[in-house]
Amino acid sequence: MELTRVILHPYTTEKTYSIRNKSEHETLTFIVDKNANKYQIREAFIAIFGLKPLKIRTTNRRPAKIRTSTARPGYTKAKKIAYVVMPVGVKVAVSKEEVEAANAK
């Protein structure tokens, strides 16, 4: 699998924001390819950001039922989420706002 196709995009929710700011280790969350393993995610992260992560955890989200106007329920997409834990003191700019703030300094 190509390293550029492993990490799809950052995953930002209220939960991931609280996880990122809760501990001394910065934790980043990404949506990754469903077939990617932790070793491929680590190599892709090093190739993209140039930093070595401390730990990587993954979880698979099942499709959830959603209401539709018909009698048949719809489903959300299944996704694989990677939690990338960085060493103490290492900060990574992931969102557009963080990159602009880092460039302004």
PDB file of N, CA and C in Angstrom:
ATOM      1  N   MET A   1       0.848  -1.177   0.000  1.00  0.00           N
ATOM      2  CA  MET A   1       0.000   0.000   0.000  1.00  0.00           C
ATOM      3  C   MET A   1       0.896   1.242   0.000  1.00  0.00           C
ATOM      4  N   GLU A   2       0.546   2.225  -0.791  1.00  0.00           N
ATOM      5  CA  GLU A   2       1.307   3.468  -0.846  1.00  0.00           C
ATOM      6  C   GLU A   2       1.144   4.237   0.464  1.00  0.00           C
ATOM      7  N   LEU A   3       2.228   4.843   0.901  1.00  0.00           N
ATOM      8  CA  LEU A   3       2.190   5.577   2.171  1.00  0.00           C
ATOM      9  C   LEU A   3       1.291   6.798   2.112  1.00  0.00           C
ATOM     10  N   THR A   4       1.131   7.377   0.921  1.00  0.00           N
ATOM     11  CA  THR A   4       0.279   8.564   0.805  1.00  0.00           C
ATOM     12  C   THR A   4      -1.202   8.224   0.880  1.00  0.00           C
ATOM     13  N   ARG A   5      -1.545   6.959   0.747  1.00  0.00           N
ATOM     14  CA  ARG A   5      -2.949   6.547   0.799  1.00  0.00           C
ATOM     15  C   ARG A   5      -3.343   5.916   2.132  1.00  0.00           C
ATOM     16  N   VAL A   6      -2.429   5.881   3.082  1.00  0.00           N
ATOM     17  CA  VAL A   6      -2.722   5.270   4.381  1.00  0.00           C
ATOM     18  C   VAL A   6      -3.509   6.239   5.258  1.00  0.00           C
ATOM     19  N   ILE A   7      -2.969   7.438   5.494  1.00  0.00           N
ATOM     20  CA  ILE A   7      -3.649   8.452   6.306  1.00  0.00           C
ATOM     21  C   ILE A   7      -4.519   9.279   5.372  1.00  0.00           C
ATOM     22  N   LEU A   8      -5.838   9.237   5.583  1.00  0.00           N
ATOM     23  CA  LEU A   8      -6.761   9.914   4.678  1.00  0.00           C
ATOM     24  C   LEU A   8      -6.957  11.379   5.052  1.00  0.00           C
ATOM     25  N   HIS A   9      -7.323  11.666   6.310  1.00  0.00           N
ATOM     26  CA  HIS A   9      -7.500  13.047   6.750  1.00  0.00           C
ATOM     27  C   HIS A   9      -7.607  13.088   8.271  1.00  0.00           C
ATOM     28  N   PRO A  10      -7.390  14.271   8.880  1.00  0.00           N
ATOM     29  CA  PRO A  10      -7.545  14.393  10.334  1.00  0.00           C
ATOM     30  C   PRO A  10      -9.002  14.209  10.745  1.00  0.00           C
ATOM     31  N   TYR A  11      -9.195  13.733  11.957  1.00  0.00           N
ATOM     32  CA  TYR A  11     -10.529  13.490  12.498  1.00  0.00           C
ATOM     33  C   TYR A  11     -10.686  14.372  13.733  1.00  0.00           C
ATOM     34  N   THR A  12     -11.503  15.408  13.626  1.00  0.00           N
ATOM     35  CA  THR A  12     -11.674  16.336  14.741  1.00  0.00           C
ATOM     36  C   THR A  12     -13.121  16.332  15.209  1.00  0.00           C
ATOM     37  N   THR A  13     -13.295  15.979  16.462  1.00  0.00           N
ATOM     38  CA  THR A  13     -14.591  16.022  17.126  1.00  0.00           C
ATOM     39  C   THR A  13     -14.363  16.605  18.520  1.00  0.00           C
ATOM     40  N   GLU A  14     -15.419  16.757  19.285  1.00  0.00           N
ATOM     41  CA  GLU A  14     -15.274  17.239  20.654  1.00  0.00           C
ATOM     42  C   GLU A  14     -14.454  16.258  21.487  1.00  0.00           C
ATOM     43  N   LYS A  15     -14.664  14.974  21.258  1.00  0.00           N
ATOM     44  CA  LYS A  15     -13.932  13.957  22.006  1.00  0.00           C
ATOM     45  C   LYS A  15     -12.443  13.999  21.679  1.00  0.00           C
ATOM     46  N   THR A  16     -12.110  14.103  20.405  1.00  0.00           N
ATOM     47  CA  THR A  16     -10.695  14.128  20.030  1.00  0.00           C
ATOM     48  C   THR A  16     -10.018  15.410  20.506  1.00  0.00           C
ATOM     49  N   TYR A  17     -10.752  16.501  20.537  1.00  0.00           N
ATOM     50  CA  TYR A  17     -10.199  17.757  21.048  1.00  0.00           C
ATOM     51  C   TYR A  17      -9.884  17.635  22.534  1.00  0.00           C
ATOM     52  N   SER A  18     -10.778  16.999  23.303  1.00  0.00           N
ATOM     53  CA  SER A  18     -10.532  16.838  24.737  1.00  0.00           C
ATOM     54  C   SER A  18      -9.395  15.850  24.992  1.00  0.00           C
ATOM     55  N   ILE A  19      -9.290  14.801  24.165  1.00  0.00           N
ATOM     56  CA  ILE A  19      -8.185  13.849  24.305  1.00  0.00           C
ATOM     57  C   ILE A  19      -6.859  14.536  24.009  1.00  0.00           C
ATOM     58  N   ARG A  20      -6.852  15.386  23.007  1.00  0.00           N
ATOM     59  CA  ARG A  20      -5.616  16.052  22.594  1.00  0.00           C
ATOM     60  C   ARG A  20      -5.083  16.977  23.679  1.00  0.00           C
ATOM     61  N   ASN A  21      -5.962  17.628  24.423  1.00  0.00           N
ATOM     62  CA  ASN A  21      -5.538  18.606  25.418  1.00  0.00           C
ATOM     63  C   ASN A  21      -5.523  18.072  26.846  1.00  0.00           C
ATOM     64  N   LYS A  22      -5.873  16.806  27.047  1.00  0.00           N
ATOM     65  CA  LYS A  22      -6.012  16.288  28.403  1.00  0.00           C
ATOM     66  C   LYS A  22      -4.674  15.915  29.042  1.00  0.00           C
ATOM     67  N   SER A  23      -3.799  15.253  28.330  1.00  0.00           N
ATOM     68  CA  SER A  23      -2.572  14.753  28.939  1.00  0.00           C
ATOM     69  C   SER A  23      -1.359  15.534  28.446  1.00  0.00           C
ATOM     70  N   GLU A  24      -0.190  15.173  28.997  1.00  0.00           N
ATOM     71  CA  GLU A  24       1.035  15.854  28.581  1.00  0.00           C
ATOM     72  C   GLU A  24       1.488  15.407  27.197  1.00  0.00           C
ATOM     73  N   HIS A  25       1.083  14.205  26.788  1.00  0.00           N
ATOM     74  CA  HIS A  25       1.383  13.721  25.445  1.00  0.00           C
ATOM     75  C   HIS A  25       0.289  14.207  24.498  1.00  0.00           C
ATOM     76  N   GLU A  26       0.684  14.809  23.397  1.00  0.00           N
ATOM     77  CA  GLU A  26      -0.299  15.260  22.413  1.00  0.00           C
ATOM     78  C   GLU A  26      -0.781  14.051  21.615  1.00  0.00           C
ATOM     79  N   THR A  27      -2.101  13.878  21.529  1.00  0.00           N
ATOM     80  CA  THR A  27      -2.693  12.771  20.796  1.00  0.00           C
ATOM     81  C   THR A  27      -3.424  13.315  19.581  1.00  0.00           C
ATOM     82  N   LEU A  28      -3.028  12.861  18.402  1.00  0.00           N
ATOM     83  CA  LEU A  28      -3.648  13.274  17.148  1.00  0.00           C
ATOM     84  C   LEU A  28      -4.528  12.143  16.646  1.00  0.00           C
ATOM     85  N   THR A  29      -5.638  12.478  16.009  1.00  0.00           N
ATOM     86  CA  THR A  29      -6.538  11.457  15.482  1.00  0.00           C
ATOM     87  C   THR A  29      -6.682  11.629  13.980  1.00  0.00           C
ATOM     88  N   PHE A  30      -6.658  10.504  13.276  1.00  0.00           N
ATOM     89  CA  PHE A  30      -6.761  10.499  11.828  1.00  0.00           C
ATOM     90  C   PHE A  30      -7.700   9.390  11.384  1.00  0.00           C
ATOM     91  N   ILE A  31      -8.395   9.633  10.264  1.00  0.00           N
ATOM     92  CA  ILE A  31      -9.107   8.567   9.573  1.00  0.00           C
ATOM     93  C   ILE A  31      -8.081   7.910   8.662  1.00  0.00           C
ATOM     94  N   VAL A  32      -7.954   6.595   8.763  1.00  0.00           N
ATOM     95  CA  VAL A  32      -6.966   5.872   7.970  1.00  0.00           C
ATOM     96  C   VAL A  32      -7.665   4.825   7.110  1.00  0.00           C
ATOM     97  N   ASP A  33      -6.921   4.265   6.171  1.00  0.00           N
ATOM     98  CA  ASP A  33      -7.449   3.216   5.310  1.00  0.00           C
ATOM     99  C   ASP A  33      -7.842   2.010   6.161  1.00  0.00           C
ATOM    100  N   LYS A  34      -8.928   1.347   5.794  1.00  0.00           N
ATOM    101  CA  LYS A  34      -9.443   0.234   6.590  1.00  0.00           C
ATOM    102  C   LYS A  34      -8.483  -0.945   6.644  1.00  0.00           C
ATOM    103  N   ASN A  35      -7.646  -1.099   5.623  1.00  0.00           N
ATOM    104  CA  ASN A  35      -6.723  -2.236   5.568  1.00  0.00           C
ATOM    105  C   ASN A  35      -5.341  -1.914   6.124  1.00  0.00           C
ATOM    106  N   ALA A  36      -5.121  -0.694   6.588  1.00  0.00           N
ATOM    107  CA  ALA A  36      -3.805  -0.292   7.092  1.00  0.00           C
ATOM    108  C   ALA A  36      -3.591  -0.830   8.503  1.00  0.00           C
ATOM    109  N   ASN A  37      -2.352  -1.274   8.771  1.00  0.00           N
ATOM    110  CA  ASN A  37      -2.020  -1.704  10.122  1.00  0.00           C
ATOM    111  C   ASN A  37      -1.180  -0.631  10.808  1.00  0.00           C
ATOM    112  N   LYS A  38      -0.814  -0.866  12.068  1.00  0.00           N
ATOM    113  CA  LYS A  38      -0.113   0.153  12.843  1.00  0.00           C
ATOM    114  C   LYS A  38       1.258   0.478  12.262  1.00  0.00           C
ATOM    115  N   TYR A  39       1.933  -0.519  11.710  1.00  0.00           N
ATOM    116  CA  TYR A  39       3.256  -0.284  11.135  1.00  0.00           C
ATOM    117  C   TYR A  39       3.168   0.613   9.909  1.00  0.00           C
ATOM    118  N   GLN A  40       2.178   0.395   9.073  1.00  0.00           N
ATOM    119  CA  GLN A  40       1.989   1.245   7.897  1.00  0.00           C
ATOM    120  C   GLN A  40       1.588   2.663   8.303  1.00  0.00           C
ATOM    121  N   ILE A  41       0.758   2.790   9.328  1.00  0.00           N
ATOM    122  CA  ILE A  41       0.350   4.112   9.809  1.00  0.00           C
ATOM    123  C   ILE A  41       1.562   4.859  10.354  1.00  0.00           C
ATOM    124  N   ARG A  42       2.425   4.168  11.094  1.00  0.00           N
ATOM    125  CA  ARG A  42       3.636   4.788  11.638  1.00  0.00           C
ATOM    126  C   ARG A  42       4.547   5.278  10.514  1.00  0.00           C
ATOM    127  N   GLU A  43       4.780   4.445   9.502  1.00  0.00           N
ATOM    128  CA  GLU A  43       5.647   4.828   8.384  1.00  0.00           C
ATOM    129  C   GLU A  43       5.057   5.998   7.599  1.00  0.00           C
ATOM    130  N   ALA A  44       3.744   6.004   7.403  1.00  0.00           N
ATOM    131  CA  ALA A  44       3.097   7.100   6.683  1.00  0.00           C
ATOM    132  C   ALA A  44       3.187   8.395   7.485  1.00  0.00           C
ATOM    133  N   PHE A  45       3.017   8.317   8.801  1.00  0.00           N
ATOM    134  CA  PHE A  45       3.104   9.509   9.646  1.00  0.00           C
ATOM    135  C   PHE A  45       4.516  10.088   9.609  1.00  0.00           C
ATOM    136  N   ILE A  46       5.526   9.227   9.667  1.00  0.00           N
ATOM    137  CA  ILE A  46       6.914   9.690   9.594  1.00  0.00           C
ATOM    138  C   ILE A  46       7.190  10.320   8.241  1.00  0.00           C
ATOM    139  N   ALA A  47       6.656   9.735   7.166  1.00  0.00           N
ATOM    140  CA  ALA A  47       6.888  10.270   5.821  1.00  0.00           C
ATOM    141  C   ALA A  47       6.210  11.625   5.632  1.00  0.00           C
ATOM    142  N   ILE A  48       5.020  11.805   6.197  1.00  0.00           N
ATOM    143  CA  ILE A  48       4.269  13.051   5.993  1.00  0.00           C
ATOM    144  C   ILE A  48       4.771  14.160   6.913  1.00  0.00           C
ATOM    145  N   PHE A  49       4.895  13.875   8.209  1.00  0.00           N
ATOM    146  CA  PHE A  49       5.205  14.915   9.186  1.00  0.00           C
ATOM    147  C   PHE A  49       6.679  14.971   9.581  1.00  0.00           C
ATOM    148  N   GLY A  50       7.435  13.919   9.315  1.00  0.00           N
ATOM    149  CA  GLY A  50       8.850  13.907   9.671  1.00  0.00           C
ATOM    150  C   GLY A  50       9.106  13.716  11.151  1.00  0.00           C
ATOM    151  N   LEU A  51       8.128  13.227  11.903  1.00  0.00           N
ATOM    152  CA  LEU A  51       8.249  13.005  13.339  1.00  0.00           C
ATOM    153  C   LEU A  51       7.897  11.563  13.661  1.00  0.00           C
ATOM    154  N   LYS A  52       8.589  10.992  14.650  1.00  0.00           N
ATOM    155  CA  LYS A  52       8.329   9.613  15.043  1.00  0.00           C
ATOM    156  C   LYS A  52       7.336   9.591  16.207  1.00  0.00           C
ATOM    157  N   PRO A  53       6.197   8.917  16.049  1.00  0.00           N
ATOM    158  CA  PRO A  53       5.219   8.867  17.138  1.00  0.00           C
ATOM    159  C   PRO A  53       5.659   7.928  18.254  1.00  0.00           C
ATOM    160  N   LEU A  54       5.152   8.193  19.446  1.00  0.00           N
ATOM    161  CA  LEU A  54       5.461   7.367  20.604  1.00  0.00           C
ATOM    162  C   LEU A  54       4.644   6.073  20.585  1.00  0.00           C
ATOM    163  N   LYS A  55       3.353   6.194  20.258  1.00  0.00           N
ATOM    164  CA  LYS A  55       2.454   5.043  20.288  1.00  0.00           C
ATOM    165  C   LYS A  55       1.315   5.287  19.309  1.00  0.00           C
ATOM    166  N   ILE A  56       0.769   4.207  18.746  1.00  0.00           N
ATOM    167  CA  ILE A  56      -0.377   4.305  17.839  1.00  0.00           C
ATOM    168  C   ILE A  56      -1.426   3.298  18.293  1.00  0.00           C
ATOM    169  N   ARG A  57      -2.656   3.788  18.444  1.00  0.00           N
ATOM    170  CA  ARG A  57      -3.791   2.916  18.757  1.00  0.00           C
ATOM    171  C   ARG A  57      -4.799   3.057  17.634  1.00  0.00           C
ATOM    172  N   THR A  58      -5.480   1.977  17.304  1.00  0.00           N
ATOM    173  CA  THR A  58      -6.479   2.023  16.240  1.00  0.00           C
ATOM    174  C   THR A  58      -7.794   1.451  16.741  1.00  0.00           C
ATOM    175  N   THR A  59      -8.863   1.901  16.120  1.00  0.00           N
ATOM    176  CA  THR A  59     -10.185   1.366  16.416  1.00  0.00           C
ATOM    177  C   THR A  59     -11.011   1.378  15.144  1.00  0.00           C
ATOM    178  N   ASN A  60     -11.877   0.400  15.012  1.00  0.00           N
ATOM    179  CA  ASN A  60     -12.778   0.316  13.869  1.00  0.00           C
ATOM    180  C   ASN A  60     -14.168   0.737  14.310  1.00  0.00           C
ATOM    181  N   ARG A  61     -14.744   1.697  13.616  1.00  0.00           N
ATOM    182  CA  ARG A  61     -16.106   2.148  13.902  1.00  0.00           C
ATOM    183  C   ARG A  61     -17.067   1.435  12.968  1.00  0.00           C
ATOM    184  N   ARG A  62     -18.063   0.805  13.552  1.00  0.00           N
ATOM    185  CA  ARG A  62     -19.085   0.141  12.751  1.00  0.00           C
ATOM    186  C   ARG A  62     -20.063   1.162  12.196  1.00  0.00           C
ATOM    187  N   PRO A  63     -20.749   0.825  11.115  1.00  0.00           N
ATOM    188  CA  PRO A  63     -21.779   1.734  10.604  1.00  0.00           C
ATOM    189  C   PRO A  63     -22.922   1.856  11.613  1.00  0.00           C
ATOM    190  N   ALA A  64     -23.391   3.068  11.824  1.00  0.00           N
ATOM    191  CA  ALA A  64     -24.495   3.317  12.745  1.00  0.00           C
ATOM    192  C   ALA A  64     -25.772   3.560  11.951  1.00  0.00           C
ATOM    193  N   LYS A  65     -26.892   3.137  12.514  1.00  0.00           N
ATOM    194  CA  LYS A  65     -28.174   3.378  11.854  1.00  0.00           C
ATOM    195  C   LYS A  65     -28.536   4.852  11.949  1.00  0.00           C
ATOM    196  N   ILE A  66     -29.085   5.385  10.871  1.00  0.00           N
ATOM    197  CA  ILE A  66     -29.593   6.749  10.872  1.00  0.00           C
ATOM    198  C   ILE A  66     -31.017   6.728  10.349  1.00  0.00           C
ATOM    199  N   ARG A  67     -31.787   7.721  10.742  1.00  0.00           N
ATOM    200  CA  ARG A  67     -33.182   7.786  10.314  1.00  0.00           C
ATOM    201  C   ARG A  67     -33.268   8.368   8.919  1.00  0.00           C
ATOM    202  N   THR A  68     -34.170   7.802   8.142  1.00  0.00           N
ATOM    203  CA  THR A  68     -34.468   8.329   6.814  1.00  0.00           C
ATOM    204  C   THR A  68     -35.972   8.511   6.705  1.00  0.00           C
ATOM    205  N   SER A  69     -36.405   9.074   5.617  1.00  0.00           N
ATOM    206  CA  SER A  69     -37.841   9.295   5.446  1.00  0.00           C
ATOM    207  C   SER A  69     -38.568   8.023   5.023  1.00  0.00           C
ATOM    208  N   THR A  70     -37.824   6.991   4.658  1.00  0.00           N
ATOM    209  CA  THR A  70     -38.442   5.726   4.267  1.00  0.00           C
ATOM    210  C   THR A  70     -38.464   4.779   5.458  1.00  0.00           C
ATOM    211  N   ALA A  71     -39.069   3.621   5.258  1.00  0.00           N
ATOM    212  CA  ALA A  71     -39.158   2.641   6.329  1.00  0.00           C
ATOM    213  C   ALA A  71     -37.815   1.948   6.570  1.00  0.00           C
ATOM    214  N   ARG A  72     -36.933   1.967   5.578  1.00  0.00           N
ATOM    215  CA  ARG A  72     -35.639   1.308   5.719  1.00  0.00           C
ATOM    216  C   ARG A  72     -34.627   2.288   6.315  1.00  0.00           C
ATOM    217  N   PRO A  73     -33.900   1.873   7.344  1.00  0.00           N
ATOM    218  CA  PRO A  73     -32.912   2.783   7.930  1.00  0.00           C
ATOM    219  C   PRO A  73     -31.684   2.917   7.031  1.00  0.00           C
ATOM    220  N   GLY A  74     -31.053   4.062   7.110  1.00  0.00           N
ATOM    221  CA  GLY A  74     -29.795   4.262   6.413  1.00  0.00           C
ATOM    222  C   GLY A  74     -28.646   3.981   7.371  1.00  0.00           C
ATOM    223  N   TYR A  75     -27.455   3.959   6.859  1.00  0.00           N
ATOM    224  CA  TYR A  75     -26.286   3.681   7.676  1.00  0.00           C
ATOM    225  C   TYR A  75     -25.181   4.682   7.373  1.00  0.00           C
ATOM    226  N   THR A  76     -24.400   5.016   8.399  1.00  0.00           N
ATOM    227  CA  THR A  76     -23.222   5.843   8.192  1.00  0.00           C
ATOM    228  C   THR A  76     -22.102   4.958   7.656  1.00  0.00           C
ATOM    229  N   LYS A  77     -21.022   5.566   7.203  1.00  0.00           N
ATOM    230  CA  LYS A  77     -19.900   4.797   6.681  1.00  0.00           C
ATOM    231  C   LYS A  77     -19.079   4.215   7.829  1.00  0.00           C
ATOM    232  N   ALA A  78     -18.558   3.018   7.609  1.00  0.00           N
ATOM    233  CA  ALA A  78     -17.613   2.444   8.554  1.00  0.00           C
ATOM    234  C   ALA A  78     -16.280   3.143   8.368  1.00  0.00           C
ATOM    235  N   LYS A  79     -15.528   3.308   9.466  1.00  0.00           N
ATOM    236  CA  LYS A  79     -14.244   3.990   9.368  1.00  0.00           C
ATOM    237  C   LYS A  79     -13.266   3.418  10.373  1.00  0.00           C
ATOM    238  N   LYS A  80     -12.004   3.575  10.072  1.00  0.00           N
ATOM    239  CA  LYS A  80     -10.944   3.169  10.978  1.00  0.00           C
ATOM    240  C   LYS A  80     -10.259   4.431  11.470  1.00  0.00           C
ATOM    241  N   ILE A  81     -10.142   4.563  12.786  1.00  0.00           N
ATOM    242  CA  ILE A  81      -9.571   5.751  13.401  1.00  0.00           C
ATOM    243  C   ILE A  81      -8.240   5.375  14.044  1.00  0.00           C
ATOM    244  N   ALA A  82      -7.215   6.197  13.804  1.00  0.00           N
ATOM    245  CA  ALA A  82      -5.900   5.990  14.412  1.00  0.00           C
ATOM    246  C   ALA A  82      -5.633   7.119  15.396  1.00  0.00           C
ATOM    247  N   TYR A  83      -5.262   6.749  16.623  1.00  0.00           N
ATOM    248  CA  TYR A  83      -4.864   7.707  17.645  1.00  0.00           C
ATOM    249  C   TYR A  83      -3.341   7.671  17.715  1.00  0.00           C
ATOM    250  N   VAL A  84      -2.698   8.753  17.310  1.00  0.00           N
ATOM    251  CA  VAL A  84      -1.241   8.833  17.260  1.00  0.00           C
ATOM    252  C   VAL A  84      -0.777   9.658  18.455  1.00  0.00           C
ATOM    253  N   VAL A  85      -0.014   9.029  19.351  1.00  0.00           N
ATOM    254  CA  VAL A  85       0.476   9.688  20.558  1.00  0.00           C
ATOM    255  C   VAL A  85       1.898  10.165  20.297  1.00  0.00           C
ATOM    256  N   MET A  86       2.132  11.455  20.540  1.00  0.00           N
ATOM    257  CA  MET A  86       3.443  12.059  20.312  1.00  0.00           C
ATOM    258  C   MET A  86       4.219  12.137  21.629  1.00  0.00           C
ATOM    259  N   PRO A  87       5.559  12.197  21.574  1.00  0.00           N
ATOM    260  CA  PRO A  87       6.349  12.356  22.802  1.00  0.00           C
ATOM    261  C   PRO A  87       6.060  13.692  23.487  1.00  0.00           C
ATOM    262  N   VAL A  88       6.479  13.800  24.739  1.00  0.00           N
ATOM    263  CA  VAL A  88       6.243  15.014  25.524  1.00  0.00           C
ATOM    264  C   VAL A  88       6.973  16.191  24.882  1.00  0.00           C
ATOM    265  N   GLY A  89       6.266  17.308  24.737  1.00  0.00           N
ATOM    266  CA  GLY A  89       6.863  18.525  24.215  1.00  0.00           C
ATOM    267  C   GLY A  89       6.834  18.669  22.711  1.00  0.00           C
ATOM    268  N   VAL A  90       6.396  17.667  21.989  1.00  0.00           N
ATOM    269  CA  VAL A  90       6.345  17.735  20.523  1.00  0.00           C
ATOM    270  C   VAL A  90       4.949  18.165  20.107  1.00  0.00           C
ATOM    271  N   LYS A  91       4.856  19.248  19.353  1.00  0.00           N
ATOM    272  CA  LYS A  91       3.575  19.760  18.864  1.00  0.00           C
ATOM    273  C   LYS A  91       3.534  19.621  17.349  1.00  0.00           C
ATOM    274  N   VAL A  92       2.369  19.242  16.833  1.00  0.00           N
ATOM    275  CA  VAL A  92       2.177  19.072  15.397  1.00  0.00           C
ATOM    276  C   VAL A  92       0.979  19.910  14.979  1.00  0.00           C
ATOM    277  N   ALA A  93       1.139  20.714  13.942  1.00  0.00           N
ATOM    278  CA  ALA A  93       0.038  21.514  13.403  1.00  0.00           C
ATOM    279  C   ALA A  93      -0.691  20.685  12.360  1.00  0.00           C
ATOM    280  N   VAL A  94      -1.946  20.333  12.648  1.00  0.00           N
ATOM    281  CA  VAL A  94      -2.716  19.484  11.748  1.00  0.00           C
ATOM    282  C   VAL A  94      -3.765  20.283  10.994  1.00  0.00           C
ATOM    283  N   SER A  95      -4.496  21.139  11.697  1.00  0.00           N
ATOM    284  CA  SER A  95      -5.574  21.881  11.048  1.00  0.00           C
ATOM    285  C   SER A  95      -5.032  23.119  10.348  1.00  0.00           C
ATOM    286  N   LYS A  96      -5.849  23.693   9.495  1.00  0.00           N
ATOM    287  CA  LYS A  96      -5.459  24.878   8.731  1.00  0.00           C
ATOM    288  C   LYS A  96      -5.195  26.063   9.654  1.00  0.00           C
ATOM    289  N   GLU A  97      -6.004  26.208  10.705  1.00  0.00           N
ATOM    290  CA  GLU A  97      -5.837  27.308  11.645  1.00  0.00           C
ATOM    291  C   GLU A  97      -4.517  27.193  12.405  1.00  0.00           C
ATOM    292  N   GLU A  98      -4.149  25.959  12.790  1.00  0.00           N
ATOM    293  CA  GLU A  98      -2.898  25.762  13.514  1.00  0.00           C
ATOM    294  C   GLU A  98      -1.693  26.073  12.637  1.00  0.00           C
ATOM    295  N   VAL A  99      -1.765  25.706  11.367  1.00  0.00           N
ATOM    296  CA  VAL A  99      -0.665  25.986  10.441  1.00  0.00           C
ATOM    297  C   VAL A  99      -0.515  27.489  10.241  1.00  0.00           C
ATOM    298  N   GLU A 100      -1.636  28.199  10.074  1.00  0.00           N
ATOM    299  CA  GLU A 100      -1.582  29.653   9.900  1.00  0.00           C
ATOM    300  C   GLU A 100      -1.053  30.343  11.154  1.00  0.00           C
ATOM    301  N   ALA A 101      -1.444  29.855  12.337  1.00  0.00           N
ATOM    302  CA  ALA A 101      -0.952  30.442  13.583  1.00  0.00           C
ATOM    303  C   ALA A 101       0.546  30.196  13.745  1.00  0.00           C
ATOM    304  N   ALA A 102       1.017  29.020  13.345  1.00  0.00           N
ATOM    305  CA  ALA A 102       2.444  28.713  13.442  1.00  0.00           C
ATOM    306  C   ALA A 102       3.254  29.557  12.465  1.00  0.00           C
ATOM    307  N   ASN A 103       2.712  29.813  11.282  1.00  0.00           N
ATOM    308  CA  ASN A 103       3.413  30.632  10.292  1.00  0.00           C
ATOM    309  C   ASN A 103       3.431  32.103  10.680  1.00  0.00           C
ATOM    310  N   ALA A 104       2.423  32.557  11.436  1.00  0.00           N
ATOM    311  CA  ALA A 104       2.346  33.955  11.839  1.00  0.00           C
ATOM    312  C   ALA A 104       3.398  34.298  12.892  1.00  0.00           C
ATOM    313  N   LYS A 105       3.839  33.295  13.645  1.00  0.00           N
ATOM    314  CA  LYS A 105       4.835  33.527  14.704  1.00  0.00           C
ATOM    315  C   LYS A 105       6.155  33.708  14.095  1.00  0.00           C
TER     316      LYS A 105
END
